Amino acid sequence: MAECPQDAITLDALSDDAIMAQIEAALAEEPEKKVIMFTCAYCSYWAADNAGIFKMQYPPYARIIRLQCSSRLSWKHVKRAFELGAAGVFVTGCRLGDCHYITANYNTVRRFENWKKRLKNIGVREERFQLRLFGAPDVVDLVEAMKEAERVVKSVTKEEIEMTKQRIKQLR
């Protein structure tokens, strides 16, 4: 499962339109107080589910968008979240070597590093765009990511968000 530049591989529930609709819904109100957290369906989403089962407390700033695999994430999804004013974007997935799609999350890491450079070049602080890899039992890591989302929301300024929204429009 990965991004297809020619859109040859599409599934209705996992289409770009469906993912974009989730991003837009999550950021419809007060986007500057939210971090979009993309999760893979297996490891990081299940860690979030397990946090609920174990009744673990965490701040409410992250909005989870479930993907089949972290490598399904596309630059256009990241870009759209920042265009809409998200305080941050976190990409989460399986630990390296544990991906249900064998090596797909290695592609996630490679593409994340590329996107991070693009964002840094337009002045987006690294804290606002993060990659976290953990397994379903790693609930503490998920909770820590949620706490980090809170720190991001509380540290980003409205001016910084507006600057990001303007500058990211210049990127393809």
Protein backbone atom coordinates (compact mmCIF):
# COMPACT_ATOMS: atom_id res chain seq x y z
CA MET A 1 0.00 0.00 0.00
CA ALA A 2 1.59 3.27 -1.02
CA GLU A 3 0.95 6.51 -2.75
CA CYS A 4 0.43 6.03 -6.47
CA PRO A 5 1.47 9.12 -8.45
CA GLN A 6 -0.83 8.09 -11.33
CA ASP A 7 -3.82 7.32 -9.05
CA ALA A 8 -4.00 3.82 -10.54
CA ILE A 9 -4.66 2.25 -7.15
CA THR A 10 -7.77 3.57 -5.45
CA LEU A 11 -10.24 2.26 -2.93
CA ASP A 12 -13.33 4.34 -2.21
CA ALA A 13 -12.99 4.43 1.57
CA LEU A 14 -9.27 5.14 1.28
CA SER A 15 -9.33 7.49 -1.70
CA ASP A 16 -7.65 10.88 -1.67
CA ASP A 17 -11.10 12.47 -1.65
CA ALA A 18 -12.07 10.50 1.47
CA ILE A 19 -8.81 11.40 3.23
CA MET A 20 -9.13 15.07 2.22
CA ALA A 21 -12.72 15.11 3.52
CA GLN A 22 -11.50 13.83 6.90
CA ILE A 23 -8.76 16.47 7.03
CA GLU A 24 -11.25 19.22 6.18
CA ALA A 25 -13.80 17.99 8.74
CA ALA A 26 -11.15 17.74 11.47
CA LEU A 27 -9.97 21.30 10.81
CA ALA A 28 -13.37 22.92 10.15
CA GLU A 29 -13.35 24.71 13.50
CA GLU A 30 -10.35 26.16 15.33
CA PRO A 31 -7.69 24.42 13.23
CA GLU A 32 -4.93 26.29 15.05
CA LYS A 33 -5.80 24.24 18.15
CA LYS A 34 -5.37 20.88 16.42
CA VAL A 35 -2.68 18.54 15.21
CA ILE A 36 -3.61 16.10 12.48
CA MET A 37 -2.25 12.67 13.38
CA PHE A 38 -2.19 10.20 10.52
CA THR A 39 -2.13 6.62 11.80
CA CYS A 40 -1.68 3.26 10.12
CA ALA A 41 -4.58 0.85 10.52
CA TYR A 42 -2.49 -1.74 12.33
CA CYS A 43 0.07 -0.41 14.78
CA SER A 44 -0.41 3.24 15.63
CA TYR A 45 -4.22 3.23 15.30
CA TRP A 46 -4.40 0.18 17.55
CA ALA A 47 -2.12 1.91 20.06
CA ALA A 48 -4.70 4.72 20.17
CA ASP A 49 -7.48 2.18 20.55
CA ASN A 50 -5.58 0.43 23.34
CA ALA A 51 -5.08 3.76 25.12
CA GLY A 52 -8.86 4.02 25.26
CA ILE A 53 -9.28 0.45 26.43
CA PHE A 54 -6.75 1.08 29.22
CA LYS A 55 -8.50 4.38 30.03
CA MET A 56 -5.29 6.32 29.67
CA GLN A 57 -5.64 10.09 29.80
CA TYR A 58 -4.17 12.33 27.13
CA PRO A 59 -4.81 15.86 25.88
CA PRO A 60 -7.50 16.34 23.21
CA TYR A 61 -5.48 18.28 20.61
CA ALA A 62 -4.71 15.56 18.06
CA ARG A 63 -7.27 14.48 15.46
CA ILE A 64 -6.61 10.96 14.25
CA ILE A 65 -7.02 10.08 10.60
CA ARG A 66 -6.68 6.37 9.98
CA LEU A 67 -4.88 5.20 6.85
CA GLN A 68 -4.45 1.60 5.76
CA CYS A 69 -0.69 2.13 5.97
CA SER A 70 1.47 5.13 6.79
CA SER A 71 2.92 4.88 3.29
CA ARG A 72 -0.55 5.71 1.93
CA LEU A 73 0.06 9.26 3.10
CA SER A 74 0.71 11.71 0.31
CA TRP A 75 2.34 15.13 0.23
CA LYS A 76 -1.02 16.57 -0.82
CA HIS A 77 -2.55 15.38 2.51
CA VAL A 78 0.21 16.99 4.56
CA LYS A 79 0.05 20.15 2.49
CA ARG A 80 -3.74 20.39 2.82
CA ALA A 81 -3.61 20.12 6.61
CA PHE A 82 -1.15 23.01 6.81
CA GLU A 83 -3.10 25.03 4.21
CA LEU A 84 -6.16 24.75 6.44
CA GLY A 85 -4.24 26.06 9.45
CA ALA A 86 -3.34 22.95 11.46
CA ALA A 87 -0.91 23.65 14.27
CA GLY A 88 0.95 20.50 13.29
CA VAL A 89 0.92 17.22 11.41
CA PHE A 90 2.15 13.96 12.93
CA VAL A 91 2.76 10.86 10.85
CA THR A 92 2.61 7.61 12.79
CA GLY A 93 3.07 4.02 11.77
CA CYS A 94 4.54 0.64 12.54
CA ARG A 95 8.07 0.25 13.85
CA LEU A 96 10.64 -0.39 11.14
CA GLY A 97 10.69 -4.10 10.44
CA ASP A 98 7.15 -4.61 11.79
CA CYS A 99 5.09 -3.19 8.92
CA HIS A 100 2.16 -5.32 7.79
CA TYR A 101 3.08 -4.29 4.25
CA ILE A 102 6.63 -5.57 4.78
CA THR A 103 8.81 -2.56 3.87
CA ALA A 104 6.22 0.11 3.16
CA ASN A 105 7.07 2.17 6.22
CA TYR A 106 10.65 2.52 4.97
CA ASN A 107 9.06 4.49 2.13
CA THR A 108 7.18 6.52 4.72
CA VAL A 109 10.43 7.44 6.46
CA ARG A 110 12.14 8.35 3.19
CA ARG A 111 9.27 10.52 2.00
CA PHE A 112 8.81 12.09 5.45
CA GLU A 113 12.43 13.28 5.39
CA ASN A 114 11.85 14.83 1.96
CA TRP A 115 8.67 16.59 3.12
CA LYS A 116 10.38 17.77 6.31
CA LYS A 117 13.05 19.50 4.20
CA ARG A 118 10.37 21.18 2.07
CA LEU A 119 8.59 22.45 5.16
CA LYS A 120 11.81 23.60 6.82
CA ASN A 121 12.67 25.57 3.66
CA ILE A 122 9.48 27.61 4.07
CA GLY A 123 10.02 28.18 7.79
CA VAL A 124 7.94 25.43 9.41
CA ARG A 125 9.50 24.39 12.71
CA GLU A 126 10.40 20.69 12.96
CA GLU A 127 8.21 20.28 16.04
CA ARG A 128 5.16 20.96 13.87
CA PHE A 129 5.86 18.01 11.55
CA GLN A 130 6.82 14.78 13.26
CA LEU A 131 7.21 11.09 12.52
CA ARG A 132 6.53 8.52 15.25
CA LEU A 133 6.84 4.77 14.72
CA PHE A 134 5.47 2.39 17.35
CA GLY A 135 3.54 -0.82 17.74
CA ALA A 136 0.01 -1.52 18.94
CA PRO A 137 1.17 -2.36 22.49
CA ASP A 138 3.20 0.87 22.70
CA VAL A 139 0.37 2.83 24.30
CA VAL A 140 2.77 4.98 26.33
CA ASP A 141 4.40 6.15 23.05
CA LEU A 142 0.99 7.10 21.66
CA VAL A 143 0.14 9.05 24.83
CA GLU A 144 3.51 10.82 24.62
CA ALA A 145 2.74 11.78 21.00
CA MET A 146 -0.60 13.20 22.18
CA LYS A 147 1.20 15.22 24.86
CA GLU A 148 3.64 16.45 22.24
CA ALA A 149 0.66 17.55 20.12
CA GLU A 150 -0.48 19.66 23.08
CA ARG A 151 2.98 21.26 23.35
CA VAL A 152 2.89 22.07 19.63
CA VAL A 153 -0.57 23.65 19.84
CA LYS A 154 0.45 25.76 22.82
CA SER A 155 3.72 26.93 21.25
CA VAL A 156 2.59 27.84 17.74
CA THR A 157 1.44 31.42 17.15
CA LYS A 158 -1.36 32.65 14.90
CA GLU A 159 1.27 34.58 12.92
CA GLU A 160 3.28 31.40 12.40
CA ILE A 161 0.20 29.53 11.18
CA GLU A 162 -0.73 32.36 8.79
CA MET A 163 2.83 32.45 7.44
CA THR A 164 2.71 28.68 6.87
CA LYS A 165 -0.65 28.92 5.11
CA GLN A 166 0.70 31.56 2.74
CA ARG A 167 4.06 29.96 2.02
CA ILE A 168 2.82 26.39 1.58
CA LYS A 169 0.56 27.49 -1.28
CA GLN A 170 3.74 28.16 -3.27
CA LEU A 171 4.82 24.52 -3.04
CA ARG A 172 3.68 21.84 -5.45
